[in-house]
């Protein structure tokens, strides 16, 4: 079971060559792949402040995820409790939340982020 980081989700949905072959095959062949609702939140914020140019609305991203059988993982109180106990390796709040969710749900993270492996989580790239 896998949790896909925001950049990997966007690259997958856009069929970008930025996504590694291993990551693409993992997403295509995995039985359970999740995207955090935090990723959709991050995308909305970055679009709003002009840091991300994207043709898809958040609703369209949600629909594309459903079509590709990527489930949206909600944020729970357990995830937030785990977030508070994480070491401060990463300064990005969205990535920290994704790490906390992965730890709680026992998910490997599909990411190119070089800091995330400093946490006690499995990563795929």
PDB file of N, CA and C in Angstrom:
ATOM      1  N   UNK A   1       0.847  -1.178   0.000  1.00  0.00           N
ATOM      2  CA  UNK A   1       0.000   0.000   0.000  1.00  0.00           C
ATOM      3  C   UNK A   1       0.891   1.239   0.000  1.00  0.00           C
ATOM      4  N   UNK A   2       0.437   2.244  -0.734  1.00  0.00           N
ATOM      5  CA  UNK A   2       1.282   3.403  -0.998  1.00  0.00           C
ATOM      6  C   UNK A   2       0.525   4.714  -0.817  1.00  0.00           C
ATOM      7  N   UNK A   3       1.283   5.722  -0.400  1.00  0.00           N
ATOM      8  CA  UNK A   3       0.792   7.089  -0.320  1.00  0.00           C
ATOM      9  C   UNK A   3       1.639   7.912  -1.285  1.00  0.00           C
ATOM     10  N   UNK A   4       0.994   8.560  -2.218  1.00  0.00           N
ATOM     11  CA  UNK A   4       1.709   9.280  -3.273  1.00  0.00           C
ATOM     12  C   UNK A   4       1.887  10.744  -2.870  1.00  0.00           C
ATOM     13  N   UNK A   5       3.124  11.215  -2.909  1.00  0.00           N
ATOM     14  CA  UNK A   5       3.440  12.602  -2.569  1.00  0.00           C
ATOM     15  C   UNK A   5       2.852  13.528  -3.647  1.00  0.00           C
ATOM     16  N   UNK A   6       2.683  14.783  -3.305  1.00  0.00           N
ATOM     17  CA  UNK A   6       2.007  15.742  -4.177  1.00  0.00           C
ATOM     18  C   UNK A   6       2.653  15.853  -5.552  1.00  0.00           C
ATOM     19  N   UNK A   7       3.958  16.021  -5.599  1.00  0.00           N
ATOM     20  CA  UNK A   7       4.620  16.177  -6.900  1.00  0.00           C
ATOM     21  C   UNK A   7       4.454  14.920  -7.749  1.00  0.00           C
ATOM     22  N   UNK A   8       4.566  13.761  -7.119  1.00  0.00           N
ATOM     23  CA  UNK A   8       4.413  12.500  -7.859  1.00  0.00           C
ATOM     24  C   UNK A   8       2.976  12.347  -8.362  1.00  0.00           C
ATOM     25  N   UNK A   9       2.013  12.773  -7.574  1.00  0.00           N
ATOM     26  CA  UNK A   9       0.615  12.714  -7.999  1.00  0.00           C
ATOM     27  C   UNK A   9       0.402  13.572  -9.239  1.00  0.00           C
ATOM     28  N   UNK A  10       0.894  14.797  -9.205  1.00  0.00           N
ATOM     29  CA  UNK A  10       0.720  15.686 -10.355  1.00  0.00           C
ATOM     30  C   UNK A  10       1.420  15.131 -11.592  1.00  0.00           C
ATOM     31  N   UNK A  11       2.627  14.611 -11.417  1.00  0.00           N
ATOM     32  CA  UNK A  11       3.355  14.049 -12.550  1.00  0.00           C
ATOM     33  C   UNK A  11       2.643  12.823 -13.106  1.00  0.00           C
ATOM     34  N   UNK A  12       2.079  12.025 -12.216  1.00  0.00           N
ATOM     35  CA  UNK A  12       1.352  10.836 -12.665  1.00  0.00           C
ATOM     36  C   UNK A  12       0.107  11.243 -13.450  1.00  0.00           C
ATOM     37  N   UNK A  13      -0.646  12.183 -12.930  1.00  0.00           N
ATOM     38  CA  UNK A  13      -1.879  12.614 -13.596  1.00  0.00           C
ATOM     39  C   UNK A  13      -1.601  13.308 -14.924  1.00  0.00           C
ATOM     40  N   UNK A  14      -0.450  13.956 -15.039  1.00  0.00           N
ATOM     41  CA  UNK A  14      -0.062  14.642 -16.278  1.00  0.00           C
ATOM     42  C   UNK A  14       0.722  13.736 -17.223  1.00  0.00           C
ATOM     43  N   UNK A  15       0.991  12.510 -16.782  1.00  0.00           N
ATOM     44  CA  UNK A  15       1.817  11.562 -17.541  1.00  0.00           C
ATOM     45  C   UNK A  15       3.178  12.190 -17.868  1.00  0.00           C
ATOM     46  N   UNK A  16       3.775  12.794 -16.861  1.00  0.00           N
ATOM     47  CA  UNK A  16       5.044  13.508 -17.026  1.00  0.00           C
ATOM     48  C   UNK A  16       6.231  12.552 -16.985  1.00  0.00           C
ATOM     49  N   UNK A  17       7.248  12.894 -17.759  1.00  0.00           N
ATOM     50  CA  UNK A  17       8.483  12.123 -17.743  1.00  0.00           C
ATOM     51  C   UNK A  17       9.286  12.364 -16.469  1.00  0.00           C
ATOM     52  N   UNK A  18       8.882  13.342 -15.672  1.00  0.00           N
ATOM     53  CA  UNK A  18       9.536  13.594 -14.379  1.00  0.00           C
ATOM     54  C   UNK A  18       9.336  12.412 -13.429  1.00  0.00           C
ATOM     55  N   UNK A  19       8.223  11.701 -13.581  1.00  0.00           N
ATOM     56  CA  UNK A  19       7.926  10.555 -12.722  1.00  0.00           C
ATOM     57  C   UNK A  19       8.832   9.394 -13.119  1.00  0.00           C
ATOM     58  N   UNK A  20       9.483   8.799 -12.125  1.00  0.00           N
ATOM     59  CA  UNK A  20      10.380   7.681 -12.428  1.00  0.00           C
ATOM     60  C   UNK A  20       9.594   6.485 -12.948  1.00  0.00           C
ATOM     61  N   UNK A  21      10.265   5.629 -13.688  1.00  0.00           N
ATOM     62  CA  UNK A  21       9.628   4.411 -14.189  1.00  0.00           C
ATOM     63  C   UNK A  21       9.178   3.520 -13.038  1.00  0.00           C
ATOM     64  N   UNK A  22      10.006   3.441 -12.009  1.00  0.00           N
ATOM     65  CA  UNK A  22       9.656   2.620 -10.840  1.00  0.00           C
ATOM     66  C   UNK A  22       8.396   3.160 -10.180  1.00  0.00           C
ATOM     67  N   UNK A  23       8.332   4.479  -9.999  1.00  0.00           N
ATOM     68  CA  UNK A  23       7.150   5.085  -9.375  1.00  0.00           C
ATOM     69  C   UNK A  23       5.907   4.837 -10.219  1.00  0.00           C
ATOM     70  N   UNK A  24       6.010   5.043 -11.527  1.00  0.00           N
ATOM     71  CA  UNK A  24       4.861   4.832 -12.418  1.00  0.00           C
ATOM     72  C   UNK A  24       4.387   3.386 -12.372  1.00  0.00           C
ATOM     73  N   UNK A  25       5.307   2.458 -12.461  1.00  0.00           N
ATOM     74  CA  UNK A  25       4.930   1.038 -12.412  1.00  0.00           C
ATOM     75  C   UNK A  25       4.316   0.673 -11.070  1.00  0.00           C
ATOM     76  N   UNK A  26       4.853   1.246 -10.010  1.00  0.00           N
ATOM     77  CA  UNK A  26       4.315   0.982  -8.672  1.00  0.00           C
ATOM     78  C   UNK A  26       2.865   1.452  -8.586  1.00  0.00           C
ATOM     79  N   UNK A  27       2.614   2.668  -9.043  1.00  0.00           N
ATOM     80  CA  UNK A  27       1.250   3.209  -8.999  1.00  0.00           C
ATOM     81  C   UNK A  27       0.322   2.387  -9.891  1.00  0.00           C
ATOM     82  N   UNK A  28       0.781   2.074 -11.086  1.00  0.00           N
ATOM     83  CA  UNK A  28      -0.048   1.316 -12.033  1.00  0.00           C
ATOM     84  C   UNK A  28      -0.395  -0.077 -11.530  1.00  0.00           C
ATOM     85  N   UNK A  29       0.514  -0.704 -10.787  1.00  0.00           N
ATOM     86  CA  UNK A  29       0.329  -2.101 -10.409  1.00  0.00           C
ATOM     87  C   UNK A  29      -0.094  -2.332  -8.964  1.00  0.00           C
ATOM     88  N   UNK A  30      -0.071  -1.308  -8.152  1.00  0.00           N
ATOM     89  CA  UNK A  30      -0.412  -1.471  -6.741  1.00  0.00           C
ATOM     90  C   UNK A  30      -1.911  -1.674  -6.566  1.00  0.00           C
ATOM     91  N   UNK A  31      -2.237  -2.455  -5.572  1.00  0.00           N
ATOM     92  CA  UNK A  31      -3.646  -2.700  -5.268  1.00  0.00           C
ATOM     93  C   UNK A  31      -4.269  -1.493  -4.566  1.00  0.00           C
ATOM     94  N   UNK A  32      -3.487  -0.844  -3.700  1.00  0.00           N
ATOM     95  CA  UNK A  32      -3.999   0.297  -2.946  1.00  0.00           C
ATOM     96  C   UNK A  32      -3.021   1.466  -3.024  1.00  0.00           C
ATOM     97  N   UNK A  33      -3.463   2.546  -3.646  1.00  0.00           N
ATOM     98  CA  UNK A  33      -2.684   3.778  -3.706  1.00  0.00           C
ATOM     99  C   UNK A  33      -3.565   4.902  -3.173  1.00  0.00           C
ATOM    100  N   UNK A  34      -2.973   5.710  -2.303  1.00  0.00           N
ATOM    101  CA  UNK A  34      -3.695   6.825  -1.697  1.00  0.00           C
ATOM    102  C   UNK A  34      -2.993   8.132  -2.027  1.00  0.00           C
ATOM    103  N   UNK A  35      -3.776   9.194  -2.104  1.00  0.00           N
ATOM    104  CA  UNK A  35      -3.269  10.563  -2.137  1.00  0.00           C
ATOM    105  C   UNK A  35      -3.886  11.258  -0.934  1.00  0.00           C
ATOM    106  N   UNK A  36      -3.085  11.985  -0.215  1.00  0.00           N
ATOM    107  CA  UNK A  36      -3.589  12.696   0.956  1.00  0.00           C
ATOM    108  C   UNK A  36      -4.458  13.873   0.545  1.00  0.00           C
ATOM    109  N   UNK A  37      -5.495  14.111   1.322  1.00  0.00           N
ATOM    110  CA  UNK A  37      -6.283  15.329   1.121  1.00  0.00           C
ATOM    111  C   UNK A  37      -5.376  16.552   1.306  1.00  0.00           C
ATOM    112  N   UNK A  38      -4.290  16.386   2.068  1.00  0.00           N
ATOM    113  CA  UNK A  38      -3.316  17.468   2.241  1.00  0.00           C
ATOM    114  C   UNK A  38      -2.667  17.835   0.906  1.00  0.00           C
ATOM    115  N   UNK A  39      -2.503  16.868   0.017  1.00  0.00           N
ATOM    116  CA  UNK A  39      -1.937  17.164  -1.304  1.00  0.00           C
ATOM    117  C   UNK A  39      -2.884  18.049  -2.110  1.00  0.00           C
ATOM    118  N   UNK A  40      -4.176  17.755  -2.035  1.00  0.00           N
ATOM    119  CA  UNK A  40      -5.142  18.597  -2.747  1.00  0.00           C
ATOM    120  C   UNK A  40      -5.168  20.003  -2.151  1.00  0.00           C
ATOM    121  N   UNK A  41      -5.045  20.082  -0.847  1.00  0.00           N
ATOM    122  CA  UNK A  41      -4.986  21.361  -0.147  1.00  0.00           C
ATOM    123  C   UNK A  41      -3.733  22.133  -0.588  1.00  0.00           C
ATOM    124  N   UNK A  42      -2.596  21.445  -0.634  1.00  0.00           N
ATOM    125  CA  UNK A  42      -1.346  22.069  -1.076  1.00  0.00           C
ATOM    126  C   UNK A  42      -1.470  22.596  -2.508  1.00  0.00           C
ATOM    127  N   UNK A  43      -2.063  21.808  -3.382  1.00  0.00           N
ATOM    128  CA  UNK A  43      -2.250  22.220  -4.777  1.00  0.00           C
ATOM    129  C   UNK A  43      -3.126  23.472  -4.849  1.00  0.00           C
ATOM    130  N   UNK A  44      -4.214  23.483  -4.094  1.00  0.00           N
ATOM    131  CA  UNK A  44      -5.116  24.638  -4.092  1.00  0.00           C
ATOM    132  C   UNK A  44      -4.395  25.896  -3.627  1.00  0.00           C
ATOM    133  N   UNK A  45      -3.606  25.779  -2.571  1.00  0.00           N
ATOM    134  CA  UNK A  45      -2.874  26.935  -2.047  1.00  0.00           C
ATOM    135  C   UNK A  45      -1.854  27.428  -3.065  1.00  0.00           C
ATOM    136  N   UNK A  46      -1.086  26.503  -3.633  1.00  0.00           N
ATOM    137  CA  UNK A  46      -0.043  26.908  -4.580  1.00  0.00           C
ATOM    138  C   UNK A  46      -0.636  27.507  -5.854  1.00  0.00           C
ATOM    139  N   UNK A  47      -1.781  27.007  -6.289  1.00  0.00           N
ATOM    140  CA  UNK A  47      -2.444  27.616  -7.450  1.00  0.00           C
ATOM    141  C   UNK A  47      -2.889  29.033  -7.114  1.00  0.00           C
ATOM    142  N   UNK A  48      -3.454  29.201  -5.927  1.00  0.00           N
ATOM    143  CA  UNK A  48      -3.990  30.486  -5.503  1.00  0.00           C
ATOM    144  C   UNK A  48      -2.918  31.558  -5.398  1.00  0.00           C
ATOM    145  N   UNK A  49      -1.714  31.188  -4.967  1.00  0.00           N
ATOM    146  CA  UNK A  49      -0.652  32.183  -4.797  1.00  0.00           C
ATOM    147  C   UNK A  49       0.264  32.274  -6.020  1.00  0.00           C
ATOM    148  N   UNK A  50      -0.082  31.536  -7.072  1.00  0.00           N
ATOM    149  CA  UNK A  50       0.652  31.639  -8.321  1.00  0.00           C
ATOM    150  C   UNK A  50       1.915  30.802  -8.400  1.00  0.00           C
ATOM    151  N   UNK A  51       2.095  29.846  -7.498  1.00  0.00           N
ATOM    152  CA  UNK A  51       3.289  28.991  -7.523  1.00  0.00           C
ATOM    153  C   UNK A  51       3.084  27.717  -8.321  1.00  0.00           C
ATOM    154  N   UNK A  52       1.875  27.513  -8.826  1.00  0.00           N
ATOM    155  CA  UNK A  52       1.587  26.296  -9.587  1.00  0.00           C
ATOM    156  C   UNK A  52       0.602  26.631 -10.693  1.00  0.00           C
ATOM    157  N   UNK A  53       1.017  26.340 -11.911  1.00  0.00           N
ATOM    158  CA  UNK A  53       0.149  26.524 -13.068  1.00  0.00           C
ATOM    159  C   UNK A  53      -0.384  25.149 -13.438  1.00  0.00           C
ATOM    160  N   UNK A  54      -1.676  24.986 -13.320  1.00  0.00           N
ATOM    161  CA  UNK A  54      -2.276  23.675 -13.514  1.00  0.00           C
ATOM    162  C   UNK A  54      -3.613  23.832 -14.213  1.00  0.00           C
ATOM    163  N   UNK A  55      -3.852  22.983 -15.207  1.00  0.00           N
ATOM    164  CA  UNK A  55      -5.094  23.046 -15.965  1.00  0.00           C
ATOM    165  C   UNK A  55      -6.270  22.392 -15.252  1.00  0.00           C
ATOM    166  N   UNK A  56      -6.007  21.594 -14.227  1.00  0.00           N
ATOM    167  CA  UNK A  56      -7.059  20.859 -13.532  1.00  0.00           C
ATOM    168  C   UNK A  56      -7.559  21.623 -12.313  1.00  0.00           C
ATOM    169  N   UNK A  57      -8.872  21.584 -12.087  1.00  0.00           N
ATOM    170  CA  UNK A  57      -9.419  22.083 -10.823  1.00  0.00           C
ATOM    171  C   UNK A  57      -9.208  20.994  -9.768  1.00  0.00           C
ATOM    172  N   UNK A  58      -9.393  21.352  -8.520  1.00  0.00           N
ATOM    173  CA  UNK A  58      -9.261  20.353  -7.447  1.00  0.00           C
ATOM    174  C   UNK A  58     -10.298  19.241  -7.643  1.00  0.00           C
ATOM    175  N   UNK A  59     -11.497  19.594  -8.020  1.00  0.00           N
ATOM    176  CA  UNK A  59     -12.537  18.586  -8.264  1.00  0.00           C
ATOM    177  C   UNK A  59     -12.123  17.664  -9.410  1.00  0.00           C
ATOM    178  N   UNK A  60     -11.529  18.231 -10.461  1.00  0.00           N
ATOM    179  CA  UNK A  60     -11.058  17.386 -11.572  1.00  0.00           C
ATOM    180  C   UNK A  60      -9.941  16.450 -11.119  1.00  0.00           C
ATOM    181  N   UNK A  61      -9.052  16.934 -10.257  1.00  0.00           N
ATOM    182  CA  UNK A  61      -7.994  16.072  -9.722  1.00  0.00           C
ATOM    183  C   UNK A  61      -8.614  14.933  -8.923  1.00  0.00           C
ATOM    184  N   UNK A  62      -9.592  15.257  -8.104  1.00  0.00           N
ATOM    185  CA  UNK A  62     -10.288  14.219  -7.331  1.00  0.00           C
ATOM    186  C   UNK A  62     -10.921  13.191  -8.273  1.00  0.00           C
ATOM    187  N   UNK A  63     -11.554  13.654  -9.328  1.00  0.00           N
ATOM    188  CA  UNK A  63     -12.179  12.738 -10.288  1.00  0.00           C
ATOM    189  C   UNK A  63     -11.140  11.891 -11.027  1.00  0.00           C
ATOM    190  N   UNK A  64     -10.013  12.504 -11.413  1.00  0.00           N
ATOM    191  CA  UNK A  64      -8.947  11.748 -12.069  1.00  0.00           C
ATOM    192  C   UNK A  64      -8.387  10.678 -11.136  1.00  0.00           C
ATOM    193  N   UNK A  65      -8.231  11.037  -9.876  1.00  0.00           N
ATOM    194  CA  UNK A  65      -7.762  10.051  -8.897  1.00  0.00           C
ATOM    195  C   UNK A  65      -8.741   8.881  -8.827  1.00  0.00           C
ATOM    196  N   UNK A  66     -10.016   9.176  -8.773  1.00  0.00           N
ATOM    197  CA  UNK A  66     -11.025   8.109  -8.709  1.00  0.00           C
ATOM    198  C   UNK A  66     -10.947   7.227  -9.955  1.00  0.00           C
ATOM    199  N   UNK A  67     -10.798   7.842 -11.121  1.00  0.00           N
ATOM    200  CA  UNK A  67     -10.685   7.079 -12.370  1.00  0.00           C
ATOM    201  C   UNK A  67      -9.475   6.156 -12.352  1.00  0.00           C
ATOM    202  N   UNK A  68      -8.384   6.622 -11.746  1.00  0.00           N
ATOM    203  CA  UNK A  68      -7.149   5.854 -11.709  1.00  0.00           C
ATOM    204  C   UNK A  68      -7.036   5.009 -10.437  1.00  0.00           C
ATOM    205  N   UNK A  69      -8.130   4.925  -9.706  1.00  0.00           N
ATOM    206  CA  UNK A  69      -8.235   4.138  -8.480  1.00  0.00           C
ATOM    207  C   UNK A  69      -7.223   4.554  -7.412  1.00  0.00           C
ATOM    208  N   UNK A  70      -7.012   5.863  -7.319  1.00  0.00           N
ATOM    209  CA  UNK A  70      -6.216   6.443  -6.237  1.00  0.00           C
ATOM    210  C   UNK A  70      -7.214   7.014  -5.234  1.00  0.00           C
ATOM    211  N   UNK A  71      -7.210   6.466  -4.042  1.00  0.00           N
ATOM    212  CA  UNK A  71      -8.151   6.899  -3.006  1.00  0.00           C
ATOM    213  C   UNK A  71      -7.614   8.129  -2.288  1.00  0.00           C
ATOM    214  N   UNK A  72      -8.526   9.019  -1.901  1.00  0.00           N
ATOM    215  CA  UNK A  72      -8.143  10.200  -1.146  1.00  0.00           C
ATOM    216  C   UNK A  72      -8.159   9.837   0.345  1.00  0.00           C
ATOM    217  N   UNK A  73      -7.013  10.060   0.989  1.00  0.00           N
ATOM    218  CA  UNK A  73      -6.862   9.744   2.409  1.00  0.00           C
ATOM    219  C   UNK A  73      -7.171  10.985   3.234  1.00  0.00           C
ATOM    220  N   UNK A  74      -8.202  10.926   4.081  1.00  0.00           N
ATOM    221  CA  UNK A  74      -8.523  12.092   4.905  1.00  0.00           C
ATOM    222  C   UNK A  74      -7.497  12.260   6.032  1.00  0.00           C
ATOM    223  N   UNK A  75      -7.518  13.411   6.653  1.00  0.00           N
ATOM    224  CA  UNK A  75      -6.664  13.683   7.810  1.00  0.00           C
ATOM    225  C   UNK A  75      -7.459  13.333   9.062  1.00  0.00           C
ATOM    226  N   UNK A  76      -6.855  12.545   9.933  1.00  0.00           N
ATOM    227  CA  UNK A  76      -7.507  12.162  11.186  1.00  0.00           C
ATOM    228  C   UNK A  76      -6.747  12.741  12.381  1.00  0.00           C
ATOM    229  N   UNK A  77      -7.382  12.680  13.542  1.00  0.00           N
ATOM    230  CA  UNK A  77      -6.727  13.127  14.775  1.00  0.00           C
ATOM    231  C   UNK A  77      -5.476  12.290  15.042  1.00  0.00           C
ATOM    232  N   UNK A  78      -5.515  11.012  14.729  1.00  0.00           N
ATOM    233  CA  UNK A  78      -4.347  10.148  14.900  1.00  0.00           C
ATOM    234  C   UNK A  78      -3.174  10.651  14.055  1.00  0.00           C
ATOM    235  N   UNK A  79      -3.458  11.064  12.831  1.00  0.00           N
ATOM    236  CA  UNK A  79      -2.407  11.605  11.959  1.00  0.00           C
ATOM    237  C   UNK A  79      -1.793  12.865  12.573  1.00  0.00           C
ATOM    238  N   UNK A  80      -2.647  13.712  13.139  1.00  0.00           N
ATOM    239  CA  UNK A  80      -2.161  14.955  13.728  1.00  0.00           C
ATOM    240  C   UNK A  80      -1.352  14.699  14.995  1.00  0.00           C
ATOM    241  N   UNK A  81      -1.761  13.705  15.790  1.00  0.00           N
ATOM    242  CA  UNK A  81      -0.963  13.321  16.960  1.00  0.00           C
ATOM    243  C   UNK A  81       0.415  12.829  16.520  1.00  0.00           C
ATOM    244  N   UNK A  82       0.452  12.018  15.460  1.00  0.00           N
ATOM    245  CA  UNK A  82       1.728  11.511  14.946  1.00  0.00           C
ATOM    246  C   UNK A  82       2.580  12.658  14.405  1.00  0.00           C
ATOM    247  N   UNK A  83       1.952  13.626  13.789  1.00  0.00           N
ATOM    248  CA  UNK A  83       2.660  14.796  13.253  1.00  0.00           C
ATOM    249  C   UNK A  83       3.421  15.523  14.352  1.00  0.00           C
ATOM    250  N   UNK A  84       2.780  15.661  15.502  1.00  0.00           N
ATOM    251  CA  UNK A  84       3.415  16.373  16.622  1.00  0.00           C
ATOM    252  C   UNK A  84       4.668  15.675  17.128  1.00  0.00           C
ATOM    253  N   UNK A  85       4.751  14.371  16.944  1.00  0.00           N
ATOM    254  CA  UNK A  85       5.897  13.632  17.479  1.00  0.00           C
ATOM    255  C   UNK A  85       7.031  13.461  16.466  1.00  0.00           C
ATOM    256  N   UNK A  86       6.851  13.956  15.243  1.00  0.00           N
ATOM    257  CA  UNK A  86       7.894  13.813  14.228  1.00  0.00           C
ATOM    258  C   UNK A  86       9.086  14.724  14.523  1.00  0.00           C
ATOM    259  N   UNK A  87      10.310  14.236  14.278  1.00  0.00           N
ATOM    260  CA  UNK A  87      11.463  15.139  14.349  1.00  0.00           C
ATOM    261  C   UNK A  87      11.356  16.184  13.239  1.00  0.00           C
ATOM    262  N   UNK A  88      12.045  17.270  13.402  1.00  0.00           N
ATOM    263  CA  UNK A  88      11.937  18.389  12.452  1.00  0.00           C
ATOM    264  C   UNK A  88      12.907  18.280  11.277  1.00  0.00           C
ATOM    265  N   UNK A  89      12.974  17.117  10.652  1.00  0.00           N
ATOM    266  CA  UNK A  89      13.830  16.963   9.473  1.00  0.00           C
ATOM    267  C   UNK A  89      13.320  17.833   8.323  1.00  0.00           C
ATOM    268  N   UNK A  90      12.020  17.884   8.178  1.00  0.00           N
ATOM    269  CA  UNK A  90      11.396  18.564   7.045  1.00  0.00           C
ATOM    270  C   UNK A  90      10.660  19.794   7.541  1.00  0.00           C
ATOM    271  N   UNK A  91      10.808  20.894   6.829  1.00  0.00           N
ATOM    272  CA  UNK A  91      10.126  22.137   7.207  1.00  0.00           C
ATOM    273  C   UNK A  91       8.783  22.299   6.502  1.00  0.00           C
ATOM    274  N   UNK A  92       8.544  21.550   5.429  1.00  0.00           N
ATOM    275  CA  UNK A  92       7.300  21.671   4.668  1.00  0.00           C
ATOM    276  C   UNK A  92       6.168  20.996   5.449  1.00  0.00           C
ATOM    277  N   UNK A  93       5.140  21.761   5.844  1.00  0.00           N
ATOM    278  CA  UNK A  93       4.064  21.172   6.650  1.00  0.00           C
ATOM    279  C   UNK A  93       3.268  20.098   5.915  1.00  0.00           C
ATOM    280  N   UNK A  94       3.132  20.208   4.610  1.00  0.00           N
ATOM    281  CA  UNK A  94       2.391  19.202   3.854  1.00  0.00           C
ATOM    282  C   UNK A  94       3.162  17.888   3.814  1.00  0.00           C
ATOM    283  N   UNK A  95       4.460  17.972   3.602  1.00  0.00           N
ATOM    284  CA  UNK A  95       5.270  16.751   3.593  1.00  0.00           C
ATOM    285  C   UNK A  95       5.306  16.104   4.970  1.00  0.00           C
ATOM    286  N   UNK A  96       5.370  16.908   6.003  1.00  0.00           N
ATOM    287  CA  UNK A  96       5.352  16.358   7.370  1.00  0.00           C
ATOM    288  C   UNK A  96       4.036  15.622   7.634  1.00  0.00           C
ATOM    289  N   UNK A  97       2.935  16.181   7.163  1.00  0.00           N
ATOM    290  CA  UNK A  97       1.647  15.530   7.353  1.00  0.00           C
ATOM    291  C   UNK A  97       1.579  14.229   6.559  1.00  0.00           C
ATOM    292  N   UNK A  98       2.099  14.228   5.351  1.00  0.00           N
ATOM    293  CA  UNK A  98       2.129  13.012   4.537  1.00  0.00           C
ATOM    294  C   UNK A  98       2.961  11.930   5.227  1.00  0.00           C
ATOM    295  N   UNK A  99       4.079  12.311   5.826  1.00  0.00           N
ATOM    296  CA  UNK A  99       4.898  11.349   6.576  1.00  0.00           C
ATOM    297  C   UNK A  99       4.099  10.790   7.752  1.00  0.00           C
ATOM    298  N   UNK A 100       3.438  11.663   8.484  1.00  0.00           N
ATOM    299  CA  UNK A 100       2.638  11.211   9.637  1.00  0.00           C
ATOM    300  C   UNK A 100       1.543  10.246   9.198  1.00  0.00           C
ATOM    301  N   UNK A 101       0.874  10.561   8.104  1.00  0.00           N
ATOM    302  CA  UNK A 101      -0.171   9.668   7.601  1.00  0.00           C
ATOM    303  C   UNK A 101       0.413   8.324   7.192  1.00  0.00           C
ATOM    304  N   UNK A 102       1.538   8.347   6.518  1.00  0.00           N
ATOM    305  CA  UNK A 102       2.170   7.096   6.084  1.00  0.00           C
ATOM    306  C   UNK A 102       2.543   6.236   7.286  1.00  0.00           C
ATOM    307  N   UNK A 103       3.078   6.868   8.322  1.00  0.00           N
ATOM    308  CA  UNK A 103       3.465   6.122   9.517  1.00  0.00           C
ATOM    309  C   UNK A 103       2.232   5.494  10.186  1.00  0.00           C
ATOM    310  N   UNK A 104       1.179   6.266  10.325  1.00  0.00           N
ATOM    311  CA  UNK A 104      -0.032   5.768  10.979  1.00  0.00           C
ATOM    312  C   UNK A 104      -0.706   4.647  10.194  1.00  0.00           C
ATOM    313  N   UNK A 105      -0.711   4.781   8.885  1.00  0.00           N
ATOM    314  CA  UNK A 105      -1.435   3.840   8.034  1.00  0.00           C
ATOM    315  C   UNK A 105      -0.541   2.734   7.468  1.00  0.00           C
ATOM    316  N   UNK A 106       0.738   2.748   7.864  1.00  0.00           N
ATOM    317  CA  UNK A 106       1.706   1.757   7.387  1.00  0.00           C
ATOM    318  C   UNK A 106       1.775   1.737   5.853  1.00  0.00           C
ATOM    319  N   UNK A 107       2.009   2.912   5.282  1.00  0.00           N
ATOM    320  CA  UNK A 107       2.083   3.084   3.836  1.00  0.00           C
ATOM    321  C   UNK A 107       3.495   3.500   3.428  1.00  0.00           C
ATOM    322  N   UNK A 108       3.956   3.022   2.304  1.00  0.00           N
ATOM    323  CA  UNK A 108       5.202   3.506   1.708  1.00  0.00           C
ATOM    324  C   UNK A 108       4.863   4.780   0.931  1.00  0.00           C
ATOM    325  N   UNK A 109       5.790   5.720   0.903  1.00  0.00           N
ATOM    326  CA  UNK A 109       5.555   6.988   0.228  1.00  0.00           C
ATOM    327  C   UNK A 109       6.256   6.979  -1.128  1.00  0.00           C
ATOM    328  N   UNK A 110       5.494   7.300  -2.154  1.00  0.00           N
ATOM    329  CA  UNK A 110       6.057   7.437  -3.494  1.00  0.00           C
ATOM    330  C   UNK A 110       6.473   8.898  -3.634  1.00  0.00           C
ATOM    331  N   UNK A 111       7.799   9.122  -3.606  1.00  0.00           N
ATOM    332  CA  UNK A 111       8.313  10.487  -3.592  1.00  0.00           C
ATOM    333  C   UNK A 111       9.735  10.565  -4.108  1.00  0.00           C
ATOM    334  N   UNK A 112      10.063  11.715  -4.667  1.00  0.00           N
ATOM    335  CA  UNK A 112      11.436  12.011  -5.058  1.00  0.00           C
ATOM    336  C   UNK A 112      12.125  12.855  -3.987  1.00  0.00           C
ATOM    337  N   UNK A 113      11.371  13.300  -3.005  1.00  0.00           N
ATOM    338  CA  UNK A 113      11.878  14.168  -1.945  1.00  0.00           C
ATOM    339  C   UNK A 113      13.007  13.472  -1.172  1.00  0.00           C
ATOM    340  N   UNK A 114      14.163  14.104  -1.136  1.00  0.00           N
ATOM    341  CA  UNK A 114      15.339  13.503  -0.500  1.00  0.00           C
ATOM    342  C   UNK A 114      15.310  13.577   1.025  1.00  0.00           C
ATOM    343  N   UNK A 115      14.445  14.386   1.593  1.00  0.00           N
ATOM    344  CA  UNK A 115      14.382  14.524   3.052  1.00  0.00           C
ATOM    345  C   UNK A 115      13.464  13.476   3.674  1.00  0.00           C
ATOM    346  N   UNK A 116      12.402  13.112   3.003  1.00  0.00           N
ATOM    347  CA  UNK A 116      11.424  12.177   3.567  1.00  0.00           C
ATOM    348  C   UNK A 116      12.046  10.861   4.025  1.00  0.00           C
ATOM    349  N   UNK A 117      13.026  10.289   3.316  1.00  0.00           N
ATOM    350  CA  UNK A 117      13.621   9.040   3.814  1.00  0.00           C
ATOM    351  C   UNK A 117      14.339   9.164   5.158  1.00  0.00           C
ATOM    352  N   UNK A 118      14.586  10.390   5.644  1.00  0.00           N
ATOM    353  CA  UNK A 118      15.186  10.568   6.966  1.00  0.00           C
ATOM    354  C   UNK A 118      14.235  10.139   8.076  1.00  0.00           C
ATOM    355  N   UNK A 119      12.952  10.083   7.758  1.00  0.00           N
ATOM    356  CA  UNK A 119      11.956   9.589   8.704  1.00  0.00           C
ATOM    357  C   UNK A 119      11.913   8.071   8.611  1.00  0.00           C
ATOM    358  N   UNK A 120      11.344   7.457   9.577  1.00  0.00           N
ATOM    359  CA  UNK A 120      11.269   5.994   9.594  1.00  0.00           C
ATOM    360  C   UNK A 120      10.077   5.534   8.748  1.00  0.00           C
ATOM    361  N   UNK A 121      10.147   5.807   7.447  1.00  0.00           N
ATOM    362  CA  UNK A 121       9.115   5.384   6.503  1.00  0.00           C
ATOM    363  C   UNK A 121       9.783   4.807   5.259  1.00  0.00           C
ATOM    364  N   UNK A 122       9.108   3.879   4.649  1.00  0.00           N
ATOM    365  CA  UNK A 122       9.602   3.309   3.398  1.00  0.00           C
ATOM    366  C   UNK A 122       9.235   4.279   2.267  1.00  0.00           C
ATOM    367  N   UNK A 123      10.167   4.457   1.334  1.00  0.00           N
ATOM    368  CA  UNK A 123       9.890   5.291   0.170  1.00  0.00           C
ATOM    369  C   UNK A 123      10.179   4.518  -1.102  1.00  0.00           C
ATOM    370  N   UNK A 124       9.528   4.956  -2.170  1.00  0.00           N
ATOM    371  CA  UNK A 124       9.714   4.361  -3.495  1.00  0.00           C
ATOM    372  C   UNK A 124       9.972   5.497  -4.463  1.00  0.00           C
ATOM    373  N   UNK A 125      10.972   5.329  -5.296  1.00  0.00           N
ATOM    374  CA  UNK A 125      11.195   6.246  -6.402  1.00  0.00           C
ATOM    375  C   UNK A 125      11.855   5.513  -7.531  1.00  0.00           C
TER     376      UNK A 125
END
